[in-house]
């Protein structure tokens, strides 16, 4: 397998936590589309260049990759260090940017597997499975920002809205007897 290349996402959170349950819960709660980079803090148990990577689609784990062994999917989860504290960086990334990577079968994991295998948390695994079974909401923060940017670039539409607002303001001013104050 070749080293996994993920586009740089927007850093959402970086912290040291006592177990991986925190990462999985936060990704699920945020409905994260993006990825987490996990780095154990006990250097004696893990080469400092080795990291675990999990990607998410609307909070659901999609793939796993271990940089030290260049393994992906369920095999990569076996390589993740699960005991002790570790640093995690959580990144947001659009679905479009993850689409090609998520289409790599050897990297994919069943949605509940990280919660079961890494966190040993059957309740979190069941919650993840339930959320994964629901229809996906494709609206990520990046996609919402793109819609806002597109709107702001539409100067004709903005000017039409301004004209409409002016006309309404004049109409309300006239209705309220404030027409003289506008001039």
Protein backbone atom coordinates (compact mmCIF):
# COMPACT_ATOMS: atom_id res chain seq x y z
CA UNK A 1 0.00 0.00 0.00
CA UNK A 2 1.17 3.53 -0.65
CA UNK A 3 1.31 6.22 1.99
CA UNK A 4 -2.08 7.84 2.42
CA UNK A 5 -2.27 11.42 1.19
CA UNK A 6 -5.08 13.54 2.62
CA UNK A 7 -5.51 17.19 1.65
CA UNK A 8 -4.81 19.61 4.50
CA UNK A 9 -8.04 20.29 6.35
CA UNK A 10 -9.06 23.08 8.69
CA UNK A 11 -7.82 22.39 12.22
CA UNK A 12 -10.86 22.27 14.49
CA UNK A 13 -9.34 20.94 17.69
CA UNK A 14 -6.05 19.77 19.11
CA UNK A 15 -5.67 18.27 22.55
CA UNK A 16 -4.27 15.46 24.64
CA UNK A 17 -6.85 12.98 25.91
CA UNK A 18 -6.76 9.84 28.04
CA UNK A 19 -8.53 7.56 25.53
CA UNK A 20 -9.79 7.37 21.98
CA UNK A 21 -13.45 7.40 23.05
CA UNK A 22 -13.14 11.20 23.27
CA UNK A 23 -12.15 11.48 19.61
CA UNK A 24 -14.88 9.16 18.35
CA UNK A 25 -17.56 10.84 20.47
CA UNK A 26 -16.51 14.33 19.42
CA UNK A 27 -16.49 13.39 15.72
CA UNK A 28 -19.96 11.87 16.06
CA UNK A 29 -21.34 14.82 18.07
CA UNK A 30 -19.97 17.32 15.54
CA UNK A 31 -21.16 15.28 12.55
CA UNK A 32 -17.57 15.73 11.41
CA UNK A 33 -16.62 15.33 7.80
CA UNK A 34 -12.85 15.27 7.91
CA UNK A 35 -10.20 13.32 9.78
CA UNK A 36 -8.37 12.81 13.05
CA UNK A 37 -4.64 12.30 13.48
CA UNK A 38 -3.81 10.28 16.61
CA UNK A 39 -0.38 10.26 18.19
CA UNK A 40 0.31 8.36 21.43
CA UNK A 41 2.21 10.37 24.03
CA UNK A 42 4.18 7.42 25.42
CA UNK A 43 7.21 7.53 23.12
CA UNK A 44 8.51 4.18 24.42
CA UNK A 45 5.45 2.41 22.99
CA UNK A 46 5.29 4.15 19.64
CA UNK A 47 7.74 5.54 17.10
CA UNK A 48 7.28 9.32 17.10
CA UNK A 49 6.88 9.29 13.31
CA UNK A 50 3.98 6.84 13.50
CA UNK A 51 0.43 8.09 13.63
CA UNK A 52 -3.04 6.67 13.37
CA UNK A 53 -5.48 8.37 11.01
CA UNK A 54 -9.25 8.00 11.00
CA UNK A 55 -11.49 9.72 8.47
CA UNK A 56 -15.13 10.55 9.07
CA UNK A 57 -18.18 11.29 6.96
CA UNK A 58 -20.87 13.14 8.91
CA UNK A 59 -19.36 11.79 12.15
CA UNK A 60 -19.14 8.16 11.03
CA UNK A 61 -15.69 6.51 10.78
CA UNK A 62 -14.98 5.54 7.18
CA UNK A 63 -11.33 4.56 6.98
CA UNK A 64 -8.33 3.88 9.15
CA UNK A 65 -4.64 4.16 8.28
CA UNK A 66 -1.44 3.59 10.28
CA UNK A 67 1.56 5.57 9.02
CA UNK A 68 4.23 3.41 10.66
CA UNK A 69 3.17 0.11 9.11
CA UNK A 70 1.52 1.57 5.99
CA UNK A 71 -1.58 -0.50 6.68
CA UNK A 72 -5.17 0.46 6.18
CA UNK A 73 -8.63 -0.66 7.11
CA UNK A 74 -9.24 -3.17 9.86
CA UNK A 75 -5.54 -4.19 9.87
CA UNK A 76 -4.58 -0.58 10.66
CA UNK A 77 -6.85 -0.56 13.72
CA UNK A 78 -4.79 -3.44 15.16
CA UNK A 79 -1.69 -1.23 14.90
CA UNK A 80 -3.20 1.74 16.79
CA UNK A 81 -1.97 2.06 20.37
CA UNK A 82 -5.04 2.12 22.59
CA UNK A 83 -3.59 2.44 26.11
CA UNK A 84 -2.33 5.65 27.61
CA UNK A 85 -2.90 9.24 26.61
CA UNK A 86 -2.47 10.58 23.12
CA UNK A 87 -2.67 13.79 21.19
CA UNK A 88 -5.37 14.15 18.60
CA UNK A 89 -5.82 16.77 15.93
CA UNK A 90 -9.28 17.01 14.42
CA UNK A 91 -9.59 18.48 10.92
CA UNK A 92 -12.61 19.47 8.88
CA UNK A 93 -12.55 18.69 5.16
CA UNK A 94 -15.25 18.63 2.50
CA UNK A 95 -16.82 15.40 1.29
CA UNK A 96 -15.52 16.15 -2.20
CA UNK A 97 -11.93 16.25 -0.95
CA UNK A 98 -12.36 12.88 0.79
CA UNK A 99 -14.32 11.17 -1.97
CA UNK A 100 -11.36 9.53 -3.77
CA UNK A 101 -9.78 8.33 -0.52
CA UNK A 102 -13.09 6.95 0.75
CA UNK A 103 -13.41 4.94 -2.48
CA UNK A 104 -10.37 2.82 -1.49
CA UNK A 105 -11.81 -0.49 -0.20
CA UNK A 106 -8.63 -1.67 1.56
CA UNK A 107 -8.70 1.42 3.81
CA UNK A 108 -12.38 1.21 4.83
CA UNK A 109 -13.63 0.04 8.22
CA UNK A 110 -17.14 -0.87 9.41
CA UNK A 111 -18.62 2.23 11.11
CA UNK A 112 -18.80 0.71 14.61
CA UNK A 113 -15.39 -1.01 14.51
CA UNK A 114 -13.24 1.85 15.89
CA UNK A 115 -15.61 2.22 18.88
CA UNK A 116 -15.53 -1.52 19.53
CA UNK A 117 -11.88 -2.25 18.78
CA UNK A 118 -10.12 0.94 19.90
CA UNK A 119 -12.39 2.26 22.64
CA UNK A 120 -13.95 -1.03 23.79
CA UNK A 121 -17.25 0.84 24.05
CA UNK A 122 -20.28 -1.17 22.85
CA UNK A 123 -22.66 1.70 23.66
CA UNK A 124 -20.71 4.11 21.44
CA UNK A 125 -20.50 1.40 18.77
CA UNK A 126 -24.29 0.95 18.83
CA UNK A 127 -24.83 4.73 18.67
CA UNK A 128 -22.45 4.97 15.71
CA UNK A 129 -24.25 2.11 13.95
CA UNK A 130 -27.64 3.85 14.46
CA UNK A 131 -26.35 7.16 13.08
CA UNK A 132 -24.69 5.39 10.14
CA UNK A 133 -28.02 3.74 9.25
CA UNK A 134 -29.75 7.13 8.95
CA UNK A 135 -29.82 8.97 5.62
CA UNK A 136 -26.67 11.08 5.34
CA UNK A 137 -26.91 14.82 5.59
CA UNK A 138 -24.39 16.05 3.06
CA UNK A 139 -24.21 19.59 4.39
CA UNK A 140 -20.76 20.09 5.81
CA UNK A 141 -19.43 23.38 7.11
CA UNK A 142 -17.24 23.75 4.00
CA UNK A 143 -20.21 23.26 1.70
CA UNK A 144 -22.21 25.84 3.68
CA UNK A 145 -19.35 28.33 3.39
CA UNK A 146 -19.17 27.73 -0.37
CA UNK A 147 -22.88 28.56 -0.65
CA UNK A 148 -22.37 31.81 1.29
CA UNK A 149 -19.36 32.73 -0.84
CA UNK A 150 -21.36 32.07 -4.03
CA UNK A 151 -24.18 34.27 -2.77
CA UNK A 152 -21.79 37.10 -1.86
CA UNK A 153 -20.25 36.98 -5.35
CA UNK A 154 -23.70 37.44 -6.96
CA UNK A 155 -23.70 41.26 -6.99
CA UNK A 156 -26.86 41.51 -9.11
CA UNK A 157 -28.83 39.44 -6.60
CA UNK A 158 -27.48 41.46 -3.68
CA UNK A 159 -28.41 44.73 -5.39
CA UNK A 160 -31.92 43.40 -6.13
CA UNK A 161 -32.33 42.49 -2.44
CA UNK A 162 -31.15 45.98 -1.43
CA UNK A 163 -33.68 47.61 -3.77
CA UNK A 164 -36.43 45.39 -2.41
CA UNK A 165 -35.46 46.31 1.17
CA UNK A 166 -35.44 50.04 0.31
CA UNK A 167 -38.90 49.78 -1.28
CA UNK A 168 -40.24 47.94 1.78
CA UNK A 169 -38.70 50.51 4.13
CA UNK A 170 -40.32 53.36 2.18
CA UNK A 171 -43.67 51.57 2.19
CA UNK A 172 -43.47 50.98 5.98
CA UNK A 173 -42.37 54.57 6.57
CA UNK A 174 -45.33 55.82 4.58
CA UNK A 175 -47.71 53.48 6.47
CA UNK A 176 -46.36 54.72 9.81
CA UNK A 177 -46.43 58.37 8.87
CA UNK A 178 -42.65 58.70 8.76
CA UNK A 179 -42.34 59.48 5.04
CA UNK A 180 -41.12 63.03 5.73
CA UNK A 181 -38.19 61.73 7.83
CA UNK A 182 -36.84 59.74 4.84
CA UNK A 183 -36.33 62.77 2.66
